[in-house]
Each structure stands twice: as C-alpha cells, then as structure tokens.
Amino acid sequence: LRHVQSSKNMTLFVPTQAAFDSLGLVYDAMKLPNAAEKLLRVVKGTIAVDGMLYSDMITSKPYKVPTLNGGTITLERIKDPNNPDQEQLRIRGDSSIGANNATIVSPDLPIRNGVVHRVDNIIVPSDVQFTLRELFQAAGGNTFLRAIDRLGLGSLLDSHTPSMGRGYTFFVPSDEAFVEFNDTLLFSDEMRM
C-alpha cells in the first residue's frame, strides 16, 4: 500500500468498526497471520483510483469508479428508504469486488493526500473466501482442529468454504474448553478418539 501513501488525490471508502464487527468470525479470520493477503484484497477494494471524489459530485446517475484491486464500485445518490425527505450516498461493488451495498455515513473527511468517506458495510471481494479450518482457527478451536486432523477428517475443513451470508452453525470448543478435559490422554489413545 505504499502507492496509497505516496499518491495524491486519493478517495478512500473506510468501513466503520461496526461494519467490521458485523462480519463476526470472518473479521476474526481476516486478522489471522496467514490471512494478510485476503485482508489486503478487501482493503484495495475500498480505494478509488480515479482522483478525489467528494459527496457533492455523486448524483442520482450511477457513477462507476475503478478501485486499486482492479474492480469497480458504483456510487449513486438515492432516496433514504427510512426517510423519503433525505438522501443517501450508496456504494455497490461489481462481481469482482463483492455485490454488497454500503452507505456513506460520514462523507468528505479530509486526509493529507485525499478524502475519506466512512461507510457502514464492508464490500468483500467475491474471491476472498475462508475455509472452515480458517474459521475454526479464528474461533480459537485449535485443539478441536487437532482432534479432527487426528481422525483423518481435516481435508473436509480445508476444502469447504462456506458462502458469505449463508446460515451455518458449528459448535467449536475453544482451546480453553479442552483445559478441563485431558486432551493429552485423548490424543495418546487411539481408542478414545
């Protein structure tokens, strides 16, 4: 991201902390050391490479903007569905960035080399996916993963990537849960596995 630091006239669409928090376990997985590349792709999708865009430049006519990751976001001014007397500035990602929508909640914040718009949602690129193993790691279930690997089922976790927004429920015991349980005895005895 040195390009961003040295560039002039940048426009950044920066998600709020609440937007990151709403991703739940996916956000925790993005913070894993081996997920830096995926997080970088998400960040690059929030950086417009078409100069500085201020909120008064966005009209009701969709305006397409290329991003640093090679995708395109569309900006437009629409009526607020909750308050028809007000307008919202909306962002949509293309299929390479992610089809999520976001609303600009704090526009036109000046920075040293451009302008920032705070947004209420994260547009996750469609190619950023996490395996079940990565999600279980993010949940703090490393001992549970060792047990699954020991049973020869690890490949199922490595090959399955749940879709964003799909309703899966997994009960993954944390490493702390195994403290009360003698996992050394469990892992050393094939019959107990």
C-alpha atoms as a PDB file:
ATOM      1  CA  LEU A   1       0.000   0.000   0.000  1.00  0.00           C
ATOM      2  CA  ARG A   2       2.979   2.325  -0.413  1.00  0.00           C
ATOM      3  CA  HIS A   3       1.228   3.539  -3.564  1.00  0.00           C
ATOM      4  CA  VAL A   4      -1.584   4.923  -1.397  1.00  0.00           C
ATOM      5  CA  GLN A   5       0.763   6.689   0.996  1.00  0.00           C
ATOM      6  CA  SER A   6       2.681   8.398  -1.802  1.00  0.00           C
ATOM      7  CA  SER A   7      -0.265   9.195  -4.097  1.00  0.00           C
ATOM      8  CA  LYS A   8      -2.129  12.458  -4.238  1.00  0.00           C
ATOM      9  CA  ASN A   9      -5.866  12.904  -4.707  1.00  0.00           C
ATOM     10  CA  MET A  10      -6.951   9.532  -3.310  1.00  0.00           C
ATOM     11  CA  THR A  11     -10.501   8.614  -2.349  1.00  0.00           C
ATOM     12  CA  LEU A  12     -10.883   6.004   0.379  1.00  0.00           C
ATOM     13  CA  PHE A  13     -14.108   4.311   1.444  1.00  0.00           C
ATOM     14  CA  VAL A  14     -13.265   3.296   5.012  1.00  0.00           C
ATOM     15  CA  PRO A  15     -15.625   0.933   6.850  1.00  0.00           C
ATOM     16  CA  THR A  16     -16.616   1.796  10.388  1.00  0.00           C
ATOM     17  CA  GLN A  17     -15.575  -0.501  13.218  1.00  0.00           C
ATOM     18  CA  ALA A  18     -19.211  -1.602  13.464  1.00  0.00           C
ATOM     19  CA  ALA A  19     -19.012  -2.715   9.816  1.00  0.00           C
ATOM     20  CA  PHE A  20     -16.005  -4.909  10.598  1.00  0.00           C
ATOM     21  CA  ASP A  21     -17.656  -6.228  13.757  1.00  0.00           C
ATOM     22  CA  SER A  22     -20.765  -7.212  11.787  1.00  0.00           C
ATOM     23  CA  LEU A  23     -18.641  -9.716   9.848  1.00  0.00           C
ATOM     24  CA  GLY A  24     -18.251 -11.713  13.064  1.00  0.00           C
ATOM     25  CA  LEU A  25     -15.964 -14.698  12.669  1.00  0.00           C
ATOM     26  CA  VAL A  26     -14.949 -13.636   9.148  1.00  0.00           C
ATOM     27  CA  TYR A  27     -13.418 -10.474  10.635  1.00  0.00           C
ATOM     28  CA  ASP A  28     -11.541 -12.592  13.181  1.00  0.00           C
ATOM     29  CA  ALA A  29     -10.305 -14.795  10.327  1.00  0.00           C
ATOM     30  CA  MET A  30      -9.093 -11.705   8.426  1.00  0.00           C
ATOM     31  CA  LYS A  31      -6.846 -10.888  11.394  1.00  0.00           C
ATOM     32  CA  LEU A  32      -5.086 -14.271  11.345  1.00  0.00           C
ATOM     33  CA  PRO A  33      -1.413 -14.021  10.287  1.00  0.00           C
ATOM     34  CA  ASN A  34      -1.948 -16.272   7.251  1.00  0.00           C
ATOM     35  CA  ALA A  35      -4.865 -14.115   6.007  1.00  0.00           C
ATOM     36  CA  ALA A  36      -2.891 -10.924   5.301  1.00  0.00           C
ATOM     37  CA  GLU A  37      -3.306 -11.376   1.526  1.00  0.00           C
ATOM     38  CA  LYS A  38      -7.090 -11.649   1.850  1.00  0.00           C
ATOM     39  CA  LEU A  39      -7.290  -8.594   4.076  1.00  0.00           C
ATOM     40  CA  LEU A  40      -5.169  -6.673   1.568  1.00  0.00           C
ATOM     41  CA  ARG A  41      -7.633  -7.528  -1.234  1.00  0.00           C
ATOM     42  CA  VAL A  42     -10.507  -6.219   0.896  1.00  0.00           C
ATOM     43  CA  VAL A  43      -8.610  -3.001   1.627  1.00  0.00           C
ATOM     44  CA  LYS A  44      -7.659  -2.461  -2.029  1.00  0.00           C
ATOM     45  CA  GLY A  45     -11.350  -2.688  -2.943  1.00  0.00           C
ATOM     46  CA  THR A  46     -12.020   0.423  -0.815  1.00  0.00           C
ATOM     47  CA  ILE A  47      -9.521   2.666  -2.604  1.00  0.00           C
ATOM     48  CA  ALA A  48     -10.696   4.546  -5.678  1.00  0.00           C
ATOM     49  CA  VAL A  49      -8.030   5.246  -8.277  1.00  0.00           C
ATOM     50  CA  ASP A  50      -9.951   7.945 -10.124  1.00  0.00           C
ATOM     51  CA  GLY A  51      -8.890  11.010  -8.133  1.00  0.00           C
ATOM     52  CA  MET A  52     -10.712  12.733  -5.303  1.00  0.00           C
ATOM     53  CA  LEU A  53     -14.484  12.281  -5.199  1.00  0.00           C
ATOM     54  CA  TYR A  54     -16.492  14.496  -2.894  1.00  0.00           C
ATOM     55  CA  SER A  55     -20.083  13.732  -1.928  1.00  0.00           C
ATOM     56  CA  ASP A  56     -21.481  16.661  -3.911  1.00  0.00           C
ATOM     57  CA  MET A  57     -20.067  15.058  -7.089  1.00  0.00           C
ATOM     58  CA  ILE A  58     -22.297  11.990  -6.627  1.00  0.00           C
ATOM     59  CA  THR A  59     -25.673  12.295  -8.339  1.00  0.00           C
ATOM     60  CA  SER A  60     -28.653  10.010  -8.857  1.00  0.00           C
ATOM     61  CA  LYS A  61     -26.983   8.825 -12.046  1.00  0.00           C
ATOM     62  CA  PRO A  62     -24.762   5.803 -11.237  1.00  0.00           C
ATOM     63  CA  TYR A  63     -21.078   6.743 -11.312  1.00  0.00           C
ATOM     64  CA  LYS A  64     -18.568   3.923 -11.807  1.00  0.00           C
ATOM     65  CA  VAL A  65     -15.184   4.187 -10.125  1.00  0.00           C
ATOM     66  CA  PRO A  66     -12.220   1.811 -10.594  1.00  0.00           C
ATOM     67  CA  THR A  67     -10.542   0.546  -7.433  1.00  0.00           C
ATOM     68  CA  LEU A  68      -6.977  -0.375  -6.591  1.00  0.00           C
ATOM     69  CA  ASN A  69      -7.774  -4.109  -6.739  1.00  0.00           C
ATOM     70  CA  GLY A  70      -8.956  -3.827 -10.366  1.00  0.00           C
ATOM     71  CA  GLY A  71     -12.667  -3.915  -9.596  1.00  0.00           C
ATOM     72  CA  THR A  72     -15.311  -1.248  -9.948  1.00  0.00           C
ATOM     73  CA  ILE A  73     -17.646   0.329  -7.452  1.00  0.00           C
ATOM     74  CA  THR A  74     -20.767   2.245  -8.405  1.00  0.00           C
ATOM     75  CA  LEU A  75     -21.724   5.363  -6.466  1.00  0.00           C
ATOM     76  CA  GLU A  76     -25.152   6.962  -6.548  1.00  0.00           C
ATOM     77  CA  ARG A  77     -27.413   9.257  -4.597  1.00  0.00           C
ATOM     78  CA  ILE A  78     -30.759   7.660  -3.687  1.00  0.00           C
ATOM     79  CA  LYS A  79     -33.792   8.456  -1.523  1.00  0.00           C
ATOM     80  CA  ASP A  80     -33.388   7.175   2.029  1.00  0.00           C
ATOM     81  CA  PRO A  81     -35.891   4.295   2.315  1.00  0.00           C
ATOM     82  CA  ASN A  82     -36.461   5.137   6.005  1.00  0.00           C
ATOM     83  CA  ASN A  83     -36.852   8.868   5.458  1.00  0.00           C
ATOM     84  CA  PRO A  84     -38.025   9.869   1.945  1.00  0.00           C
ATOM     85  CA  ASP A  85     -37.160  13.531   2.617  1.00  0.00           C
ATOM     86  CA  GLN A  86     -33.487  12.590   2.978  1.00  0.00           C
ATOM     87  CA  GLU A  87     -30.952  11.187   0.537  1.00  0.00           C
ATOM     88  CA  GLN A  88     -28.270   8.538   0.947  1.00  0.00           C
ATOM     89  CA  LEU A  89     -24.999   8.037  -0.860  1.00  0.00           C
ATOM     90  CA  ARG A  90     -24.821   4.346  -1.784  1.00  0.00           C
ATOM     91  CA  ILE A  91     -21.944   2.190  -2.975  1.00  0.00           C
ATOM     92  CA  ARG A  92     -22.295  -1.089  -4.864  1.00  0.00           C
ATOM     93  CA  GLY A  93     -19.449  -3.406  -5.740  1.00  0.00           C
ATOM     94  CA  ASP A  94     -19.181  -5.294  -9.021  1.00  0.00           C
ATOM     95  CA  SER A  95     -18.868  -9.069  -9.090  1.00  0.00           C
ATOM     96  CA  SER A  96     -15.077  -8.888  -8.678  1.00  0.00           C
ATOM     97  CA  ILE A  97     -15.339  -6.759  -5.540  1.00  0.00           C
ATOM     98  CA  GLY A  98     -18.477  -8.182  -3.981  1.00  0.00           C
ATOM     99  CA  ALA A  99     -22.090  -7.347  -4.514  1.00  0.00           C
ATOM    100  CA  ASN A 100     -22.611  -5.917  -1.023  1.00  0.00           C
ATOM    101  CA  ASN A 101     -24.016  -2.433  -0.707  1.00  0.00           C
ATOM    102  CA  ALA A 102     -22.732   0.213   1.649  1.00  0.00           C
ATOM    103  CA  THR A 103     -23.963   3.641   2.659  1.00  0.00           C
ATOM    104  CA  ILE A 104     -21.646   6.589   3.194  1.00  0.00           C
ATOM    105  CA  VAL A 105     -22.277   7.617   6.810  1.00  0.00           C
ATOM    106  CA  SER A 106     -19.558  10.294   7.181  1.00  0.00           C
ATOM    107  CA  PRO A 107     -18.632  11.944   3.869  1.00  0.00           C
ATOM    108  CA  ASP A 108     -15.801  14.235   2.833  1.00  0.00           C
ATOM    109  CA  LEU A 109     -13.285  13.723   5.643  1.00  0.00           C
ATOM    110  CA  PRO A 110     -10.025  15.356   4.525  1.00  0.00           C
ATOM    111  CA  ILE A 111      -6.725  13.493   4.827  1.00  0.00           C
ATOM    112  CA  ARG A 112      -3.203  14.510   3.847  1.00  0.00           C
ATOM    113  CA  ASN A 113      -3.424  13.064   0.328  1.00  0.00           C
ATOM    114  CA  GLY A 114      -7.136  12.892  -0.407  1.00  0.00           C
ATOM    115  CA  VAL A 115     -10.570  12.361   1.050  1.00  0.00           C
ATOM    116  CA  VAL A 116     -12.173   9.629   3.166  1.00  0.00           C
ATOM    117  CA  HIS A 117     -15.803   8.568   3.214  1.00  0.00           C
ATOM    118  CA  ARG A 118     -16.801   6.371   6.183  1.00  0.00           C
ATOM    119  CA  VAL A 119     -19.145   3.540   5.110  1.00  0.00           C
ATOM    120  CA  ASP A 120     -21.437   1.268   7.104  1.00  0.00           C
ATOM    121  CA  ASN A 121     -20.666  -2.024   5.373  1.00  0.00           C
ATOM    122  CA  ILE A 122     -17.686  -3.873   4.000  1.00  0.00           C
ATOM    123  CA  ILE A 123     -17.668  -4.823   0.361  1.00  0.00           C
ATOM    124  CA  VAL A 124     -15.831  -8.145   0.452  1.00  0.00           C
ATOM    125  CA  PRO A 125     -14.409  -9.285  -2.903  1.00  0.00           C
ATOM    126  CA  SER A 126     -16.026 -12.484  -4.143  1.00  0.00           C
ATOM    127  CA  ASP A 127     -12.624 -14.187  -4.355  1.00  0.00           C
ATOM    128  CA  VAL A 128     -11.947 -13.621  -0.643  1.00  0.00           C
ATOM    129  CA  GLN A 129     -13.139 -16.823   0.982  1.00  0.00           C
ATOM    130  CA  PHE A 130     -12.204 -18.629   4.162  1.00  0.00           C
ATOM    131  CA  THR A 131     -12.109 -22.370   4.662  1.00  0.00           C
ATOM    132  CA  LEU A 132     -13.782 -23.965   7.634  1.00  0.00           C
ATOM    133  CA  ARG A 133     -10.301 -24.598   9.053  1.00  0.00           C
ATOM    134  CA  GLU A 134      -9.531 -20.859   8.966  1.00  0.00           C
ATOM    135  CA  LEU A 135     -12.865 -20.021  10.594  1.00  0.00           C
ATOM    136  CA  PHE A 136     -12.346 -22.630  13.313  1.00  0.00           C
ATOM    137  CA  GLN A 137      -8.855 -21.186  13.942  1.00  0.00           C
ATOM    138  CA  ALA A 138     -10.381 -17.726  14.238  1.00  0.00           C
ATOM    139  CA  ALA A 139     -12.834 -19.137  16.791  1.00  0.00           C
ATOM    140  CA  GLY A 140      -9.900 -20.338  18.909  1.00  0.00           C
ATOM    141  CA  GLY A 141     -10.551 -24.017  18.218  1.00  0.00           C
ATOM    142  CA  ASN A 142      -7.004 -25.238  17.542  1.00  0.00           C
ATOM    143  CA  THR A 143      -7.244 -28.244  19.881  1.00  0.00           C
ATOM    144  CA  PHE A 144     -10.522 -29.213  18.235  1.00  0.00           C
ATOM    145  CA  LEU A 145      -8.794 -28.955  14.836  1.00  0.00           C
ATOM    146  CA  ARG A 146      -6.028 -31.284  16.063  1.00  0.00           C
ATOM    147  CA  ALA A 147      -8.700 -33.816  17.012  1.00  0.00           C
ATOM    148  CA  ILE A 148     -10.351 -33.532  13.594  1.00  0.00           C
ATOM    149  CA  ASP A 149      -6.977 -33.957  11.877  1.00  0.00           C
ATOM    150  CA  ARG A 150      -6.207 -36.938  14.098  1.00  0.00           C
ATOM    151  CA  LEU A 151      -9.460 -38.545  12.972  1.00  0.00           C
ATOM    152  CA  GLY A 152      -8.450 -38.007   9.325  1.00  0.00           C
ATOM    153  CA  LEU A 153     -11.227 -35.507   8.632  1.00  0.00           C
ATOM    154  CA  GLY A 154      -9.047 -32.408   8.167  1.00  0.00           C
ATOM    155  CA  SER A 155      -9.384 -32.422   4.383  1.00  0.00           C
ATOM    156  CA  LEU A 156     -13.101 -31.711   4.757  1.00  0.00           C
ATOM    157  CA  LEU A 157     -12.288 -28.488   6.575  1.00  0.00           C
ATOM    158  CA  ASP A 158      -9.631 -27.467   4.068  1.00  0.00           C
ATOM    159  CA  SER A 159     -11.815 -27.968   1.020  1.00  0.00           C
ATOM    160  CA  HIS A 160     -15.058 -26.380   2.199  1.00  0.00           C
ATOM    161  CA  THR A 161     -15.559 -22.614   2.013  1.00  0.00           C
ATOM    162  CA  PRO A 162     -18.993 -21.555   3.284  1.00  0.00           C
ATOM    163  CA  SER A 163     -20.692 -18.779   1.322  1.00  0.00           C
ATOM    164  CA  MET A 164     -20.863 -15.366   2.924  1.00  0.00           C
ATOM    165  CA  GLY A 165     -24.278 -14.776   4.397  1.00  0.00           C
ATOM    166  CA  ARG A 166     -25.262 -18.458   4.413  1.00  0.00           C
ATOM    167  CA  GLY A 167     -26.555 -19.804   7.702  1.00  0.00           C
ATOM    168  CA  TYR A 168     -24.137 -22.335   9.148  1.00  0.00           C
ATOM    169  CA  THR A 169     -23.881 -23.216  12.814  1.00  0.00           C
ATOM    170  CA  PHE A 170     -20.851 -25.021  14.182  1.00  0.00           C
ATOM    171  CA  PHE A 171     -20.158 -25.713  17.816  1.00  0.00           C
ATOM    172  CA  VAL A 172     -16.380 -25.454  18.072  1.00  0.00           C
ATOM    173  CA  PRO A 173     -14.962 -25.977  21.544  1.00  0.00           C
ATOM    174  CA  SER A 174     -12.329 -23.375  22.338  1.00  0.00           C
ATOM    175  CA  ASP A 175      -8.833 -24.323  23.425  1.00  0.00           C
ATOM    176  CA  GLU A 176      -9.804 -23.224  26.949  1.00  0.00           C
ATOM    177  CA  ALA A 177     -12.649 -25.769  26.958  1.00  0.00           C
ATOM    178  CA  PHE A 178     -10.086 -28.519  26.465  1.00  0.00           C
ATOM    179  CA  VAL A 179      -8.078 -27.384  29.516  1.00  0.00           C
ATOM    180  CA  GLU A 180     -10.625 -29.047  31.811  1.00  0.00           C
ATOM    181  CA  PHE A 181     -10.530 -32.110  29.592  1.00  0.00           C
ATOM    182  CA  ASN A 182      -7.410 -34.260  29.467  1.00  0.00           C
ATOM    183  CA  ASP A 183      -6.639 -33.830  25.769  1.00  0.00           C
ATOM    184  CA  THR A 184      -3.195 -35.439  26.230  1.00  0.00           C
ATOM    185  CA  LEU A 185      -4.924 -38.644  27.235  1.00  0.00           C
ATOM    186  CA  LEU A 186      -7.378 -38.280  24.346  1.00  0.00           C
ATOM    187  CA  PHE A 187      -4.675 -37.767  21.713  1.00  0.00           C
ATOM    188  CA  SER A 188      -2.446 -40.541  23.041  1.00  0.00           C
ATOM    189  CA  ASP A 189      -5.141 -43.253  22.999  1.00  0.00           C
ATOM    190  CA  GLU A 190      -6.464 -44.270  19.572  1.00  0.00           C
ATOM    191  CA  MET A 191      -9.485 -45.984  21.136  1.00  0.00           C
ATOM    192  CA  ARG A 192     -10.629 -42.803  22.895  1.00  0.00           C
ATOM    193  CA  MET A 193     -10.519 -40.890  19.634  1.00  0.00           C
END
